[in-house]
Amino acid sequence: MKYFKDLWPTMQQYRHWSMPSKLTFIGAYVGIFSLLLSIAILVITSLLETKVDKVLIQGEWDKKKANEIVLELMKQYGGPNEYGFEPYDESDKIMHKIFDHYTLNYVNETVKIVIAYSNIESNTGRCSAPKLSIVEFVKNQNGWNLKESYINAFPAGTWGKPPSSINIYAIGFNIFGVVVQHGETGKGYTNTYTSIHANIGGEFLQIFFEVTGGDSSGSFNPLLEDWNSAITFRQQGTSIYDLVIHQTGRKDGQPLNFKAVYKFDGRKYSTSNIYQ
């Protein structure tokens, strides 16, 4: 302690110094302060990284470990009421299940996305949809780290079951969209509906919904409808990409080959922004 005290001049000594000596003294201590600040930041960063490592999947992608993390996040979110369900009674417990794993290669990073869903036993009616949760992991030099979690993001499905088809697409710079497809049959006609959901401004929104297929093979007029749609995204800039839908087959008894490109208007893909 006495050593450091000796390094600091008294006020009388300081007053008798020349201006260059004073500036040298000030510069030396500013340098020492900057060095100590840098060391402190390095230590704090190291401690934070150590804390993050608790949710890190070490090495190669581990589905089992990822599932454990996702299910724990869903459990921590709450019970039936927090998820927006109305349980029949206290025995009507909430259930969480994994749907699938997806890989996306962005321009600057690779991510894994896990989709899971939640439901209660009594929620099994025709219009009863489970609640989907989406958890995103990002690859780093040590393995996979938790990037974002969207628990109870939005409902999707019927009869208490999730949709049969859920896909993940890159729809912008480091932005993914959840593309959900499901069919509905009546009187021998089957329509395919497609919805797209994405995190817009911190909220998961449905940014597209439309009929994207038809099949009348089970009806009295089997040749009337037999068409479907291919969905792709056209990259442009760093905003939300254009949505391209290519419809082919037979519609209203006539050959169909139609391509439409949708522009994003800030909240959704709007039909007013359709052009060929």
C-alpha atoms as a PDB file:
ATOM      1  CA  MET A   1       0.000   0.000   0.000  1.00  0.00           C
ATOM      2  CA  LYS A   2       2.927   2.328   0.920  1.00  0.00           C
ATOM      3  CA  TYR A   3       4.436   1.598  -2.536  1.00  0.00           C
ATOM      4  CA  PHE A   4       1.318   2.905  -4.323  1.00  0.00           C
ATOM      5  CA  LYS A   5       1.179   5.895  -1.961  1.00  0.00           C
ATOM      6  CA  ASP A   6       4.746   6.807  -2.912  1.00  0.00           C
ATOM      7  CA  LEU A   7       3.755   6.788  -6.606  1.00  0.00           C
ATOM      8  CA  TRP A   8       1.191   9.530  -6.010  1.00  0.00           C
ATOM      9  CA  PRO A   9       2.739  13.032  -5.632  1.00  0.00           C
ATOM     10  CA  THR A  10       1.697  15.486  -2.953  1.00  0.00           C
ATOM     11  CA  MET A  11      -0.118  18.632  -4.059  1.00  0.00           C
ATOM     12  CA  GLN A  12       2.996  20.700  -3.342  1.00  0.00           C
ATOM     13  CA  GLN A  13       5.173  18.426  -5.505  1.00  0.00           C
ATOM     14  CA  TYR A  14       2.601  18.496  -8.300  1.00  0.00           C
ATOM     15  CA  ARG A  15       2.496  22.322  -8.360  1.00  0.00           C
ATOM     16  CA  HIS A  16       6.265  22.527  -8.865  1.00  0.00           C
ATOM     17  CA  TRP A  17       6.233  20.157 -11.844  1.00  0.00           C
ATOM     18  CA  SER A  18       6.571  21.454 -15.385  1.00  0.00           C
ATOM     19  CA  MET A  19       3.583  21.228 -17.711  1.00  0.00           C
ATOM     20  CA  PRO A  20       5.067  18.269 -19.704  1.00  0.00           C
ATOM     21  CA  SER A  21       5.616  16.375 -16.420  1.00  0.00           C
ATOM     22  CA  LYS A  22       2.025  17.021 -15.344  1.00  0.00           C
ATOM     23  CA  LEU A  23       0.672  15.786 -18.692  1.00  0.00           C
ATOM     24  CA  THR A  24       2.892  12.686 -18.530  1.00  0.00           C
ATOM     25  CA  PHE A  25       1.610  11.943 -15.021  1.00  0.00           C
ATOM     26  CA  ILE A  26      -2.031  12.345 -16.066  1.00  0.00           C
ATOM     27  CA  GLY A  27      -1.496  10.224 -19.198  1.00  0.00           C
ATOM     28  CA  ALA A  28       0.154   7.440 -17.179  1.00  0.00           C
ATOM     29  CA  TYR A  29      -2.740   7.165 -14.736  1.00  0.00           C
ATOM     30  CA  VAL A  30      -5.336   7.367 -17.510  1.00  0.00           C
ATOM     31  CA  GLY A  31      -3.527   4.456 -19.130  1.00  0.00           C
ATOM     32  CA  ILE A  32      -3.514   2.482 -15.870  1.00  0.00           C
ATOM     33  CA  PHE A  33      -7.253   3.181 -15.370  1.00  0.00           C
ATOM     34  CA  SER A  34      -8.019   2.044 -18.954  1.00  0.00           C
ATOM     35  CA  LEU A  35      -6.033  -1.140 -18.402  1.00  0.00           C
ATOM     36  CA  LEU A  36      -7.894  -1.936 -15.168  1.00  0.00           C
ATOM     37  CA  LEU A  37     -11.243  -1.204 -16.862  1.00  0.00           C
ATOM     38  CA  SER A  38     -10.372  -3.550 -19.740  1.00  0.00           C
ATOM     39  CA  ILE A  39      -9.451  -6.317 -17.296  1.00  0.00           C
ATOM     40  CA  ALA A  40     -12.724  -5.791 -15.392  1.00  0.00           C
ATOM     41  CA  ILE A  41     -14.765  -6.015 -18.614  1.00  0.00           C
ATOM     42  CA  LEU A  42     -12.886  -9.169 -19.618  1.00  0.00           C
ATOM     43  CA  VAL A  43     -13.580 -10.793 -16.235  1.00  0.00           C
ATOM     44  CA  ILE A  44     -17.292  -9.853 -16.327  1.00  0.00           C
ATOM     45  CA  THR A  45     -17.656 -11.136 -19.904  1.00  0.00           C
ATOM     46  CA  SER A  46     -15.968 -14.385 -18.916  1.00  0.00           C
ATOM     47  CA  LEU A  47     -18.358 -14.809 -15.984  1.00  0.00           C
ATOM     48  CA  LEU A  48     -21.373 -14.163 -18.217  1.00  0.00           C
ATOM     49  CA  GLU A  49     -20.155 -16.679 -20.795  1.00  0.00           C
ATOM     50  CA  THR A  50     -19.714 -19.240 -18.027  1.00  0.00           C
ATOM     51  CA  LYS A  51     -23.318 -18.637 -16.984  1.00  0.00           C
ATOM     52  CA  VAL A  52     -24.570 -19.028 -20.564  1.00  0.00           C
ATOM     53  CA  ASP A  53     -22.667 -22.318 -20.860  1.00  0.00           C
ATOM     54  CA  LYS A  54     -25.246 -23.854 -18.498  1.00  0.00           C
ATOM     55  CA  VAL A  55     -27.729 -23.918 -21.409  1.00  0.00           C
ATOM     56  CA  LEU A  56     -25.135 -24.750 -24.054  1.00  0.00           C
ATOM     57  CA  ILE A  57     -25.307 -28.001 -26.009  1.00  0.00           C
ATOM     58  CA  GLN A  58     -21.665 -28.975 -26.142  1.00  0.00           C
ATOM     59  CA  GLY A  59     -20.210 -30.194 -29.451  1.00  0.00           C
ATOM     60  CA  GLU A  60     -22.528 -31.704 -32.046  1.00  0.00           C
ATOM     61  CA  TRP A  61     -26.264 -31.116 -32.060  1.00  0.00           C
ATOM     62  CA  ASP A  62     -27.933 -33.273 -29.413  1.00  0.00           C
ATOM     63  CA  LYS A  63     -31.673 -33.752 -29.968  1.00  0.00           C
ATOM     64  CA  LYS A  64     -32.229 -35.269 -26.555  1.00  0.00           C
ATOM     65  CA  LYS A  65     -30.531 -32.375 -24.758  1.00  0.00           C
ATOM     66  CA  ALA A  66     -32.369 -29.826 -26.905  1.00  0.00           C
ATOM     67  CA  ASN A  67     -35.699 -31.497 -26.140  1.00  0.00           C
ATOM     68  CA  GLU A  68     -34.955 -31.343 -22.405  1.00  0.00           C
ATOM     69  CA  ILE A  69     -34.228 -27.604 -22.628  1.00  0.00           C
ATOM     70  CA  VAL A  70     -37.372 -26.890 -24.669  1.00  0.00           C
ATOM     71  CA  LEU A  71     -39.677 -28.933 -22.447  1.00  0.00           C
ATOM     72  CA  GLU A  72     -38.257 -27.267 -19.336  1.00  0.00           C
ATOM     73  CA  LEU A  73     -38.877 -23.804 -20.831  1.00  0.00           C
ATOM     74  CA  MET A  74     -42.469 -24.802 -21.609  1.00  0.00           C
ATOM     75  CA  LYS A  75     -42.945 -26.148 -18.098  1.00  0.00           C
ATOM     76  CA  GLN A  76     -41.592 -22.937 -16.552  1.00  0.00           C
ATOM     77  CA  TYR A  77     -44.034 -20.850 -18.614  1.00  0.00           C
ATOM     78  CA  GLY A  78     -46.936 -22.018 -16.450  1.00  0.00           C
ATOM     79  CA  GLY A  79     -50.045 -24.168 -16.374  1.00  0.00           C
ATOM     80  CA  PRO A  80     -53.248 -24.373 -18.455  1.00  0.00           C
ATOM     81  CA  ASN A  81     -54.377 -20.849 -17.565  1.00  0.00           C
ATOM     82  CA  GLU A  82     -51.087 -19.249 -18.650  1.00  0.00           C
ATOM     83  CA  TYR A  83     -51.370 -21.050 -21.985  1.00  0.00           C
ATOM     84  CA  GLY A  84     -54.950 -19.856 -22.448  1.00  0.00           C
ATOM     85  CA  PHE A  85     -56.696 -23.191 -21.913  1.00  0.00           C
ATOM     86  CA  GLU A  86     -59.838 -23.739 -19.856  1.00  0.00           C
ATOM     87  CA  PRO A  87     -59.325 -27.046 -18.009  1.00  0.00           C
ATOM     88  CA  TYR A  88     -62.360 -29.189 -17.254  1.00  0.00           C
ATOM     89  CA  ASP A  89     -61.187 -29.754 -13.679  1.00  0.00           C
ATOM     90  CA  GLU A  90     -57.982 -29.949 -11.640  1.00  0.00           C
ATOM     91  CA  SER A  91     -57.124 -33.359 -13.123  1.00  0.00           C
ATOM     92  CA  ASP A  92     -57.087 -31.857 -16.630  1.00  0.00           C
ATOM     93  CA  LYS A  93     -53.318 -31.374 -16.722  1.00  0.00           C
ATOM     94  CA  ILE A  94     -51.292 -29.689 -19.434  1.00  0.00           C
ATOM     95  CA  MET A  95     -49.064 -31.801 -21.685  1.00  0.00           C
ATOM     96  CA  HIS A  96     -45.991 -30.720 -23.669  1.00  0.00           C
ATOM     97  CA  LYS A  97     -44.631 -32.637 -26.668  1.00  0.00           C
ATOM     98  CA  ILE A  98     -41.900 -32.123 -29.258  1.00  0.00           C
ATOM     99  CA  PHE A  99     -43.055 -31.807 -32.873  1.00  0.00           C
ATOM    100  CA  ASP A 100     -39.798 -31.651 -34.888  1.00  0.00           C
ATOM    101  CA  HIS A 101     -36.304 -30.189 -35.363  1.00  0.00           C
ATOM    102  CA  TYR A 102     -35.250 -27.921 -38.242  1.00  0.00           C
ATOM    103  CA  THR A 103     -31.979 -26.482 -39.562  1.00  0.00           C
ATOM    104  CA  LEU A 104     -31.582 -23.054 -41.164  1.00  0.00           C
ATOM    105  CA  ASN A 105     -28.403 -21.688 -42.719  1.00  0.00           C
ATOM    106  CA  TYR A 106     -28.506 -17.903 -42.615  1.00  0.00           C
ATOM    107  CA  VAL A 107     -25.911 -15.762 -44.378  1.00  0.00           C
ATOM    108  CA  ASN A 108     -23.889 -15.277 -41.183  1.00  0.00           C
ATOM    109  CA  GLU A 109     -24.941 -18.135 -38.881  1.00  0.00           C
ATOM    110  CA  THR A 110     -26.494 -21.590 -38.627  1.00  0.00           C
ATOM    111  CA  VAL A 111     -29.465 -22.161 -36.352  1.00  0.00           C
ATOM    112  CA  LYS A 112     -31.497 -25.125 -35.152  1.00  0.00           C
ATOM    113  CA  ILE A 113     -35.180 -24.599 -34.430  1.00  0.00           C
ATOM    114  CA  VAL A 114     -37.284 -26.896 -32.269  1.00  0.00           C
ATOM    115  CA  ILE A 115     -41.070 -26.753 -32.529  1.00  0.00           C
ATOM    116  CA  ALA A 116     -43.166 -28.199 -29.712  1.00  0.00           C
ATOM    117  CA  TYR A 117     -46.809 -27.982 -28.713  1.00  0.00           C
ATOM    118  CA  SER A 118     -48.928 -27.883 -25.571  1.00  0.00           C
ATOM    119  CA  ASN A 119     -52.459 -29.075 -24.882  1.00  0.00           C
ATOM    120  CA  ILE A 120     -54.792 -30.344 -22.171  1.00  0.00           C
ATOM    121  CA  GLU A 121     -56.633 -33.666 -22.304  1.00  0.00           C
ATOM    122  CA  SER A 122     -60.106 -32.132 -22.671  1.00  0.00           C
ATOM    123  CA  ASN A 123     -59.112 -29.852 -25.569  1.00  0.00           C
ATOM    124  CA  THR A 124     -60.004 -32.281 -28.380  1.00  0.00           C
ATOM    125  CA  GLY A 125     -62.891 -30.671 -30.292  1.00  0.00           C
ATOM    126  CA  ARG A 126     -62.916 -29.881 -34.002  1.00  0.00           C
ATOM    127  CA  CYS A 127     -61.821 -26.284 -33.389  1.00  0.00           C
ATOM    128  CA  SER A 128     -59.486 -27.177 -30.519  1.00  0.00           C
ATOM    129  CA  ALA A 129     -55.919 -26.251 -31.409  1.00  0.00           C
ATOM    130  CA  PRO A 130     -52.743 -26.921 -29.415  1.00  0.00           C
ATOM    131  CA  LYS A 131     -50.399 -24.012 -28.663  1.00  0.00           C
ATOM    132  CA  LEU A 132     -47.115 -24.071 -30.568  1.00  0.00           C
ATOM    133  CA  SER A 133     -43.784 -23.058 -29.031  1.00  0.00           C
ATOM    134  CA  ILE A 134     -40.653 -22.293 -31.056  1.00  0.00           C
ATOM    135  CA  VAL A 135     -37.134 -22.374 -29.604  1.00  0.00           C
ATOM    136  CA  GLU A 136     -34.084 -21.275 -31.603  1.00  0.00           C
ATOM    137  CA  PHE A 137     -30.488 -22.386 -30.979  1.00  0.00           C
ATOM    138  CA  VAL A 138     -27.449 -20.838 -32.651  1.00  0.00           C
ATOM    139  CA  LYS A 139     -24.189 -22.614 -33.487  1.00  0.00           C
ATOM    140  CA  ASN A 140     -20.941 -21.289 -32.019  1.00  0.00           C
ATOM    141  CA  GLN A 141     -17.397 -22.620 -31.733  1.00  0.00           C
ATOM    142  CA  ASN A 142     -18.241 -24.788 -28.716  1.00  0.00           C
ATOM    143  CA  GLY A 143     -21.604 -26.174 -29.760  1.00  0.00           C
ATOM    144  CA  TRP A 144     -25.136 -24.771 -29.666  1.00  0.00           C
ATOM    145  CA  ASN A 145     -26.412 -21.941 -27.541  1.00  0.00           C
ATOM    146  CA  LEU A 146     -29.963 -20.861 -26.774  1.00  0.00           C
ATOM    147  CA  LYS A 147     -30.762 -17.835 -28.959  1.00  0.00           C
ATOM    148  CA  GLU A 148     -34.502 -17.111 -28.635  1.00  0.00           C
ATOM    149  CA  SER A 149     -37.539 -18.859 -27.201  1.00  0.00           C
ATOM    150  CA  TYR A 150     -41.140 -18.150 -28.176  1.00  0.00           C
ATOM    151  CA  ILE A 151     -43.243 -20.142 -25.741  1.00  0.00           C
ATOM    152  CA  ASN A 152     -46.993 -20.247 -26.449  1.00  0.00           C
ATOM    153  CA  ALA A 153     -46.348 -18.428 -29.731  1.00  0.00           C
ATOM    154  CA  PHE A 154     -49.653 -19.204 -31.471  1.00  0.00           C
ATOM    155  CA  PRO A 155     -52.363 -21.906 -31.762  1.00  0.00           C
ATOM    156  CA  ALA A 156     -52.398 -24.273 -34.743  1.00  0.00           C
ATOM    157  CA  GLY A 157     -54.171 -27.526 -35.572  1.00  0.00           C
ATOM    158  CA  THR A 158     -57.570 -29.161 -35.068  1.00  0.00           C
ATOM    159  CA  TRP A 159     -59.118 -31.908 -32.916  1.00  0.00           C
ATOM    160  CA  GLY A 160     -56.493 -31.212 -30.274  1.00  0.00           C
ATOM    161  CA  LYS A 161     -53.658 -32.229 -32.587  1.00  0.00           C
ATOM    162  CA  PRO A 162     -50.983 -30.107 -34.291  1.00  0.00           C
ATOM    163  CA  PRO A 163     -51.028 -29.620 -38.085  1.00  0.00           C
ATOM    164  CA  SER A 164     -49.603 -32.476 -40.137  1.00  0.00           C
ATOM    165  CA  SER A 165     -47.219 -30.160 -41.972  1.00  0.00           C
ATOM    166  CA  ILE A 166     -45.048 -27.481 -40.351  1.00  0.00           C
ATOM    167  CA  ASN A 167     -41.968 -26.123 -42.120  1.00  0.00           C
ATOM    168  CA  ILE A 168     -39.407 -23.427 -41.376  1.00  0.00           C
ATOM    169  CA  TYR A 169     -38.109 -20.984 -44.008  1.00  0.00           C
ATOM    170  CA  ALA A 170     -35.680 -18.073 -43.929  1.00  0.00           C
ATOM    171  CA  ILE A 171     -37.942 -15.146 -44.847  1.00  0.00           C
ATOM    172  CA  GLY A 172     -35.490 -12.318 -44.150  1.00  0.00           C
ATOM    173  CA  PHE A 173     -32.027 -11.571 -42.796  1.00  0.00           C
ATOM    174  CA  ASN A 174     -31.811 -13.778 -39.678  1.00  0.00           C
ATOM    175  CA  ILE A 175     -35.624 -13.983 -39.680  1.00  0.00           C
ATOM    176  CA  PHE A 176     -37.509 -17.258 -39.969  1.00  0.00           C
ATOM    177  CA  GLY A 177     -41.117 -17.963 -40.822  1.00  0.00           C
ATOM    178  CA  VAL A 178     -43.228 -20.899 -39.654  1.00  0.00           C
ATOM    179  CA  VAL A 179     -45.250 -22.257 -42.587  1.00  0.00           C
ATOM    180  CA  VAL A 180     -48.263 -24.283 -41.461  1.00  0.00           C
ATOM    181  CA  GLN A 181     -50.404 -26.361 -43.844  1.00  0.00           C
ATOM    182  CA  HIS A 182     -53.551 -28.316 -43.060  1.00  0.00           C
ATOM    183  CA  GLY A 183     -56.419 -29.820 -45.041  1.00  0.00           C
ATOM    184  CA  GLU A 184     -60.158 -29.625 -44.525  1.00  0.00           C
ATOM    185  CA  THR A 185     -62.555 -32.067 -46.189  1.00  0.00           C
ATOM    186  CA  GLY A 186     -66.286 -31.762 -46.802  1.00  0.00           C
ATOM    187  CA  LYS A 187     -68.605 -33.544 -49.264  1.00  0.00           C
ATOM    188  CA  GLY A 188     -65.659 -35.114 -51.020  1.00  0.00           C
ATOM    189  CA  TYR A 189     -63.768 -31.854 -51.518  1.00  0.00           C
ATOM    190  CA  THR A 190     -60.474 -31.201 -49.746  1.00  0.00           C
ATOM    191  CA  ASN A 191     -58.990 -27.744 -49.456  1.00  0.00           C
ATOM    192  CA  THR A 192     -55.421 -27.106 -48.321  1.00  0.00           C
ATOM    193  CA  TYR A 193     -54.828 -23.977 -46.254  1.00  0.00           C
ATOM    194  CA  THR A 194     -51.453 -22.352 -45.709  1.00  0.00           C
ATOM    195  CA  SER A 195     -50.593 -19.859 -43.009  1.00  0.00           C
ATOM    196  CA  ILE A 196     -47.242 -18.201 -42.310  1.00  0.00           C
ATOM    197  CA  HIS A 197     -46.250 -16.935 -38.877  1.00  0.00           C
ATOM    198  CA  ALA A 198     -43.243 -14.818 -37.925  1.00  0.00           C
ATOM    199  CA  ASN A 199     -41.857 -12.667 -35.132  1.00  0.00           C
ATOM    200  CA  ILE A 200     -42.656  -9.118 -36.211  1.00  0.00           C
ATOM    201  CA  GLY A 201     -41.701  -6.397 -33.756  1.00  0.00           C
ATOM    202  CA  GLY A 202     -41.427  -8.832 -30.840  1.00  0.00           C
ATOM    203  CA  GLU A 203     -44.795 -10.481 -31.470  1.00  0.00           C
ATOM    204  CA  PHE A 204     -45.585 -13.662 -33.389  1.00  0.00           C
ATOM    205  CA  LEU A 205     -48.090 -12.684 -36.074  1.00  0.00           C
ATOM    206  CA  GLN A 206     -49.934 -14.538 -38.818  1.00  0.00           C
ATOM    207  CA  ILE A 207     -48.567 -12.736 -41.868  1.00  0.00           C
ATOM    208  CA  PHE A 208     -50.228 -14.883 -44.548  1.00  0.00           C
ATOM    209  CA  PHE A 209     -53.308 -17.100 -44.880  1.00  0.00           C
ATOM    210  CA  GLU A 210     -54.802 -18.491 -48.071  1.00  0.00           C
ATOM    211  CA  VAL A 211     -56.210 -21.600 -49.778  1.00  0.00           C
ATOM    212  CA  THR A 212     -53.251 -23.165 -51.579  1.00  0.00           C
ATOM    213  CA  GLY A 213     -54.697 -26.434 -52.884  1.00  0.00           C
ATOM    214  CA  GLY A 214     -57.870 -28.254 -53.884  1.00  0.00           C
ATOM    215  CA  ASP A 215     -58.880 -31.874 -54.514  1.00  0.00           C
ATOM    216  CA  SER A 216     -62.348 -33.037 -55.596  1.00  0.00           C
ATOM    217  CA  SER A 217     -61.463 -36.713 -56.133  1.00  0.00           C
ATOM    218  CA  GLY A 218     -63.907 -37.817 -53.433  1.00  0.00           C
ATOM    219  CA  SER A 219     -66.853 -35.875 -54.854  1.00  0.00           C
ATOM    220  CA  PHE A 220     -69.386 -36.456 -57.637  1.00  0.00           C
ATOM    221  CA  ASN A 221     -67.198 -34.303 -59.904  1.00  0.00           C
ATOM    222  CA  PRO A 222     -63.687 -35.736 -59.392  1.00  0.00           C
ATOM    223  CA  LEU A 223     -62.149 -33.878 -62.348  1.00  0.00           C
ATOM    224  CA  LEU A 224     -63.167 -30.430 -61.154  1.00  0.00           C
ATOM    225  CA  GLU A 225     -60.312 -29.727 -58.708  1.00  0.00           C
ATOM    226  CA  ASP A 226     -56.781 -31.098 -58.529  1.00  0.00           C
ATOM    227  CA  TRP A 227     -54.267 -28.352 -57.828  1.00  0.00           C
ATOM    228  CA  ASN A 228     -51.583 -27.342 -55.339  1.00  0.00           C
ATOM    229  CA  SER A 229     -49.055 -24.599 -54.676  1.00  0.00           C
ATOM    230  CA  ALA A 230     -45.285 -24.460 -54.383  1.00  0.00           C
ATOM    231  CA  ILE A 231     -44.114 -21.839 -51.868  1.00  0.00           C
ATOM    232  CA  THR A 232     -40.709 -20.150 -52.053  1.00  0.00           C
ATOM    233  CA  PHE A 233     -39.176 -16.887 -50.851  1.00  0.00           C
ATOM    234  CA  ARG A 234     -37.280 -14.516 -53.104  1.00  0.00           C
ATOM    235  CA  GLN A 235     -34.369 -12.829 -51.369  1.00  0.00           C
ATOM    236  CA  GLN A 236     -34.051  -9.058 -51.726  1.00  0.00           C
ATOM    237  CA  GLY A 237     -32.167  -6.749 -49.401  1.00  0.00           C
ATOM    238  CA  THR A 238     -32.327  -7.290 -45.647  1.00  0.00           C
ATOM    239  CA  SER A 239     -36.078  -6.810 -45.180  1.00  0.00           C
ATOM    240  CA  ILE A 240     -38.774  -9.503 -45.288  1.00  0.00           C
ATOM    241  CA  TYR A 241     -38.356 -11.417 -48.536  1.00  0.00           C
ATOM    242  CA  ASP A 242     -40.986 -11.582 -51.286  1.00  0.00           C
ATOM    243  CA  LEU A 243     -43.332 -14.560 -51.091  1.00  0.00           C
ATOM    244  CA  VAL A 244     -43.649 -16.517 -54.357  1.00  0.00           C
ATOM    245  CA  ILE A 245     -46.593 -18.895 -54.844  1.00  0.00           C
ATOM    246  CA  HIS A 246     -46.773 -21.062 -57.962  1.00  0.00           C
ATOM    247  CA  GLN A 247     -50.131 -22.791 -58.476  1.00  0.00           C
ATOM    248  CA  THR A 248     -50.380 -25.719 -60.901  1.00  0.00           C
ATOM    249  CA  GLY A 249     -52.896 -28.452 -61.750  1.00  0.00           C
ATOM    250  CA  ARG A 250     -56.573 -28.162 -62.574  1.00  0.00           C
ATOM    251  CA  LYS A 251     -58.955 -25.651 -61.003  1.00  0.00           C
ATOM    252  CA  ASP A 252     -62.660 -25.219 -61.795  1.00  0.00           C
ATOM    253  CA  GLY A 253     -62.159 -27.837 -64.484  1.00  0.00           C
ATOM    254  CA  GLN A 254     -59.516 -25.736 -66.279  1.00  0.00           C
ATOM    255  CA  PRO A 255     -55.719 -26.120 -66.518  1.00  0.00           C
ATOM    256  CA  LEU A 256     -53.907 -23.985 -63.949  1.00  0.00           C
ATOM    257  CA  ASN A 257     -50.403 -22.528 -64.123  1.00  0.00           C
ATOM    258  CA  PHE A 258     -50.275 -19.271 -62.173  1.00  0.00           C
ATOM    259  CA  LYS A 259     -47.455 -17.574 -60.304  1.00  0.00           C
ATOM    260  CA  ALA A 260     -47.936 -14.694 -57.885  1.00  0.00           C
ATOM    261  CA  VAL A 261     -45.403 -12.679 -55.903  1.00  0.00           C
ATOM    262  CA  TYR A 262     -46.506 -11.046 -52.627  1.00  0.00           C
ATOM    263  CA  LYS A 263     -44.803  -8.032 -51.065  1.00  0.00           C
ATOM    264  CA  PHE A 264     -44.647  -7.629 -47.295  1.00  0.00           C
ATOM    265  CA  ASP A 265     -46.394  -4.423 -46.168  1.00  0.00           C
ATOM    266  CA  GLY A 266     -44.862  -4.216 -42.686  1.00  0.00           C
ATOM    267  CA  ARG A 267     -47.446  -6.415 -40.977  1.00  0.00           C
ATOM    268  CA  LYS A 268     -48.448  -9.104 -43.483  1.00  0.00           C
ATOM    269  CA  TYR A 269     -48.364 -10.307 -47.069  1.00  0.00           C
ATOM    270  CA  SER A 270     -51.381  -8.535 -48.507  1.00  0.00           C
ATOM    271  CA  THR A 271     -53.368  -9.471 -51.613  1.00  0.00           C
ATOM    272  CA  SER A 272     -53.306  -5.794 -52.545  1.00  0.00           C
ATOM    273  CA  ASN A 273     -49.569  -6.208 -53.109  1.00  0.00           C
ATOM    274  CA  ILE A 274     -49.897  -9.177 -55.473  1.00  0.00           C
ATOM    275  CA  TYR A 275     -48.251  -8.979 -58.856  1.00  0.00           C
ATOM    276  CA  GLN A 276     -47.124 -11.525 -61.436  1.00  0.00           C
END
